Amino acid sequence: MSTVDNVINQLAVELANKTINGAYDKAERDEALAKLQQVKNERDEALGNLENIKLGFEGMNRILQSDERLKNLYEEVKAKQTEKEEQ
């Protein structure tokens, strides 16, 4: 094999290796991006659930604050629950 043939052959091997490595890198990057998007979606869902819980608590708090008897009853139940937990 001549020197020119060896050079051409070596270039072909190097190009093939770089192409393969590039394909692996792209596949790994695509997988990482997909996983990142999944985590972001899960985070957004959790934040949405948290906001709904917050709104529920705010609504209950408004109800308790609107009626002194309910507020007192809540405080009484809360005190009893605290006593049970301390025992």
C-alpha atoms as a PDB file:
ATOM      1  CA  MET A   1       0.000   0.000   0.000  1.00  0.00           C
ATOM      2  CA  SER A   2       1.359   3.380  -0.892  1.00  0.00           C
ATOM      3  CA  THR A   3       1.802   6.289   1.437  1.00  0.00           C
ATOM      4  CA  VAL A   4      -1.144   8.104  -0.145  1.00  0.00           C
ATOM      5  CA  ASP A   5      -3.352   5.050   0.359  1.00  0.00           C
ATOM      6  CA  ASN A   6      -2.247   4.844   4.006  1.00  0.00           C
ATOM      7  CA  VAL A   7      -3.044   8.520   4.560  1.00  0.00           C
ATOM      8  CA  ILE A   8      -6.464   8.190   2.947  1.00  0.00           C
ATOM      9  CA  ASN A   9      -7.192   5.036   4.962  1.00  0.00           C
ATOM     10  CA  GLN A  10      -6.105   6.702   8.219  1.00  0.00           C
ATOM     11  CA  LEU A  11      -8.249   9.762   7.484  1.00  0.00           C
ATOM     12  CA  ALA A  12     -11.239   7.530   6.788  1.00  0.00           C
ATOM     13  CA  VAL A  13     -10.751   5.684  10.106  1.00  0.00           C
ATOM     14  CA  GLU A  14     -10.380   8.951  12.047  1.00  0.00           C
ATOM     15  CA  LEU A  15     -13.464  10.432  10.384  1.00  0.00           C
ATOM     16  CA  ALA A  16     -15.481   7.317  11.170  1.00  0.00           C
ATOM     17  CA  ASN A  17     -14.342   7.386  14.812  1.00  0.00           C
ATOM     18  CA  LYS A  18     -15.204  11.078  15.171  1.00  0.00           C
ATOM     19  CA  THR A  19     -18.598  10.500  13.586  1.00  0.00           C
ATOM     20  CA  ILE A  20     -19.329   7.626  15.972  1.00  0.00           C
ATOM     21  CA  ASN A  21     -18.160   9.628  19.003  1.00  0.00           C
ATOM     22  CA  GLY A  22     -20.270  12.574  17.887  1.00  0.00           C
ATOM     23  CA  ALA A  23     -23.334  10.344  17.573  1.00  0.00           C
ATOM     24  CA  TYR A  24     -22.789   8.936  21.081  1.00  0.00           C
ATOM     25  CA  ASP A  25     -22.336  12.443  22.473  1.00  0.00           C
ATOM     26  CA  LYS A  26     -25.548  13.634  20.805  1.00  0.00           C
ATOM     27  CA  ALA A  27     -27.494  10.612  22.064  1.00  0.00           C
ATOM     28  CA  GLU A  28     -26.255  11.188  25.635  1.00  0.00           C
ATOM     29  CA  ARG A  29     -27.078  14.900  25.405  1.00  0.00           C
ATOM     30  CA  ASP A  30     -30.571  14.136  24.083  1.00  0.00           C
ATOM     31  CA  GLU A  31     -31.169  11.677  26.939  1.00  0.00           C
ATOM     32  CA  ALA A  32     -29.971  14.228  29.488  1.00  0.00           C
ATOM     33  CA  LEU A  33     -32.229  16.913  28.004  1.00  0.00           C
ATOM     34  CA  ALA A  34     -35.214  14.562  28.093  1.00  0.00           C
ATOM     35  CA  LYS A  35     -34.520  13.728  31.744  1.00  0.00           C
ATOM     36  CA  LEU A  36     -34.132  17.430  32.562  1.00  0.00           C
ATOM     37  CA  GLN A  37     -37.467  18.176  30.914  1.00  0.00           C
ATOM     38  CA  GLN A  38     -39.086  15.368  32.913  1.00  0.00           C
ATOM     39  CA  VAL A  39     -37.685  16.798  36.150  1.00  0.00           C
ATOM     40  CA  LYS A  40     -38.916  20.279  35.201  1.00  0.00           C
ATOM     41  CA  ASN A  41     -42.381  18.896  34.475  1.00  0.00           C
ATOM     42  CA  GLU A  42     -42.455  17.103  37.833  1.00  0.00           C
ATOM     43  CA  ARG A  43     -41.278  20.294  39.568  1.00  0.00           C
ATOM     44  CA  ASP A  44     -43.999  22.329  37.863  1.00  0.00           C
ATOM     45  CA  GLU A  45     -46.623  19.782  38.873  1.00  0.00           C
ATOM     46  CA  ALA A  46     -45.402  19.815  42.477  1.00  0.00           C
ATOM     47  CA  LEU A  47     -45.448  23.621  42.525  1.00  0.00           C
ATOM     48  CA  GLY A  48     -48.997  23.576  41.172  1.00  0.00           C
ATOM     49  CA  ASN A  49     -50.049  21.129  43.874  1.00  0.00           C
ATOM     50  CA  LEU A  50     -48.361  23.261  46.502  1.00  0.00           C
ATOM     51  CA  GLU A  51     -50.174  26.362  45.265  1.00  0.00           C
ATOM     52  CA  ASN A  52     -53.507  24.501  45.483  1.00  0.00           C
ATOM     53  CA  ILE A  53     -52.713  23.422  49.045  1.00  0.00           C
ATOM     54  CA  LYS A  54     -51.768  26.993  49.935  1.00  0.00           C
ATOM     55  CA  LEU A  55     -55.033  28.294  48.506  1.00  0.00           C
ATOM     56  CA  GLY A  56     -56.936  25.673  50.504  1.00  0.00           C
ATOM     57  CA  PHE A  57     -55.244  26.706  53.729  1.00  0.00           C
ATOM     58  CA  GLU A  58     -55.843  30.376  52.986  1.00  0.00           C
ATOM     59  CA  GLY A  59     -59.535  29.623  52.450  1.00  0.00           C
ATOM     60  CA  MET A  60     -59.776  27.701  55.718  1.00  0.00           C
ATOM     61  CA  ASN A  61     -57.970  30.498  57.512  1.00  0.00           C
ATOM     62  CA  ARG A  62     -60.426  33.088  56.145  1.00  0.00           C
ATOM     63  CA  ILE A  63     -63.325  30.950  57.371  1.00  0.00           C
ATOM     64  CA  LEU A  64     -61.774  30.570  60.824  1.00  0.00           C
ATOM     65  CA  GLN A  65     -61.026  34.288  61.031  1.00  0.00           C
ATOM     66  CA  SER A  66     -64.556  35.209  59.955  1.00  0.00           C
ATOM     67  CA  ASP A  67     -66.239  33.542  62.955  1.00  0.00           C
ATOM     68  CA  GLU A  68     -64.927  33.928  66.483  1.00  0.00           C
ATOM     69  CA  ARG A  69     -66.614  30.681  67.616  1.00  0.00           C
ATOM     70  CA  LEU A  70     -64.894  28.694  64.866  1.00  0.00           C
ATOM     71  CA  LYS A  71     -61.589  30.325  65.721  1.00  0.00           C
ATOM     72  CA  ASN A  72     -61.983  29.425  69.395  1.00  0.00           C
ATOM     73  CA  LEU A  73     -63.013  25.862  68.519  1.00  0.00           C
ATOM     74  CA  TYR A  74     -59.939  25.536  66.305  1.00  0.00           C
ATOM     75  CA  GLU A  75     -57.673  26.784  69.078  1.00  0.00           C
ATOM     76  CA  GLU A  76     -59.279  24.319  71.529  1.00  0.00           C
ATOM     77  CA  VAL A  77     -58.792  21.352  69.177  1.00  0.00           C
ATOM     78  CA  LYS A  78     -55.253  22.477  68.436  1.00  0.00           C
ATOM     79  CA  ALA A  79     -54.428  22.650  72.153  1.00  0.00           C
ATOM     80  CA  LYS A  80     -55.850  19.156  72.733  1.00  0.00           C
ATOM     81  CA  GLN A  81     -53.869  17.775  69.799  1.00  0.00           C
ATOM     82  CA  THR A  82     -50.681  19.359  71.155  1.00  0.00           C
ATOM     83  CA  GLU A  83     -51.327  17.774  74.544  1.00  0.00           C
ATOM     84  CA  LYS A  84     -51.766  14.338  72.961  1.00  0.00           C
ATOM     85  CA  GLU A  85     -48.547  14.695  70.978  1.00  0.00           C
ATOM     86  CA  GLU A  86     -46.597  15.680  74.081  1.00  0.00           C
ATOM     87  CA  GLN A  87     -47.714  12.579  75.994  1.00  0.00           C
END
